[in-house]
Amino acid sequence: MYHNLFLSSMLDFFSIDESNLVIILIISAIFFGVLLFFGIRKSYLLQKESERINSMNNRIAKDIDKS
């Protein structure tokens, strides 16, 4: 009896209309698109900060060599 109840509840869970499936996929795509955008943005900002720090290190190294 419990097996039949579990099976019927699983079938009800997986019986999603096509329109609902499309909505779920669109929401998922937007969510992961936003995550991708922020990840790329963060990577770009970290790269710029790394270049800035490296240039500062090079200037400090040159100043120390001149002294």
Protein backbone atom coordinates (compact mmCIF):
# COMPACT_ATOMS: atom_id res chain seq x y z
CA MET A 1 0.00 0.00 0.00
CA TYR A 2 2.76 2.44 0.90
CA HIS A 3 4.60 1.45 -2.24
CA ASN A 4 1.63 2.40 -4.43
CA LEU A 5 1.19 5.69 -2.58
CA PHE A 6 4.88 6.51 -3.01
CA LEU A 7 4.75 5.58 -6.70
CA SER A 8 1.67 7.68 -7.36
CA SER A 9 3.15 10.67 -5.53
CA MET A 10 6.36 10.36 -7.57
CA LEU A 11 4.37 10.24 -10.80
CA ASP A 12 2.44 13.34 -9.74
CA PHE A 13 5.73 15.09 -8.96
CA PHE A 14 7.19 14.31 -12.38
CA SER A 15 4.05 15.22 -14.32
CA ILE A 16 5.02 18.83 -14.97
CA ASP A 17 3.34 20.69 -17.81
CA GLU A 18 5.51 21.87 -20.67
CA SER A 19 4.81 25.52 -19.88
CA ASN A 20 5.87 25.04 -16.27
CA LEU A 21 8.99 23.24 -17.42
CA VAL A 22 9.88 26.13 -19.73
CA ILE A 23 9.35 28.62 -16.90
CA ILE A 24 11.59 26.58 -14.59
CA LEU A 25 14.29 26.38 -17.26
CA ILE A 26 14.09 30.12 -17.96
CA ILE A 27 14.40 30.95 -14.26
CA SER A 28 17.35 28.56 -13.94
CA ALA A 29 19.06 30.03 -17.00
CA ILE A 30 18.62 33.58 -15.67
CA PHE A 31 19.95 32.57 -12.25
CA PHE A 32 23.06 30.89 -13.64
CA GLY A 33 23.53 33.71 -16.15
CA VAL A 34 23.62 36.22 -13.30
CA LEU A 35 26.11 34.03 -11.42
CA LEU A 36 28.26 33.80 -14.54
CA PHE A 37 28.13 37.57 -15.03
CA PHE A 38 29.21 38.27 -11.45
CA GLY A 39 31.95 35.63 -11.68
CA ILE A 40 33.38 37.16 -14.85
CA ARG A 41 33.12 40.65 -13.35
CA LYS A 42 34.92 39.55 -10.17
CA SER A 43 37.66 37.88 -12.22
CA TYR A 44 38.16 41.06 -14.26
CA LEU A 45 38.35 43.23 -11.12
CA LEU A 46 40.84 40.86 -9.47
CA GLN A 47 43.00 40.86 -12.60
CA LYS A 48 43.06 44.67 -12.66
CA GLU A 49 43.95 44.79 -8.95
CA SER A 50 46.72 42.24 -9.48
CA GLU A 51 48.18 44.32 -12.33
CA ARG A 52 48.05 47.43 -10.13
CA ILE A 53 49.81 45.68 -7.24
CA ASN A 54 52.47 44.25 -9.58
CA SER A 55 53.20 47.70 -10.99
CA MET A 56 53.50 49.08 -7.46
CA ASN A 57 55.92 46.26 -6.56
CA ASN A 58 58.01 47.00 -9.65
CA ARG A 59 58.18 50.70 -8.77
CA ILE A 60 59.19 49.92 -5.18
CA ALA A 61 61.85 47.46 -6.39
CA LYS A 62 63.27 50.13 -8.74
CA ASP A 63 63.32 52.70 -5.95
CA ILE A 64 65.15 50.28 -3.64
CA ASP A 65 67.71 49.49 -6.36
CA LYS A 66 68.37 53.21 -6.91
CA SER A 67 68.98 53.80 -3.19
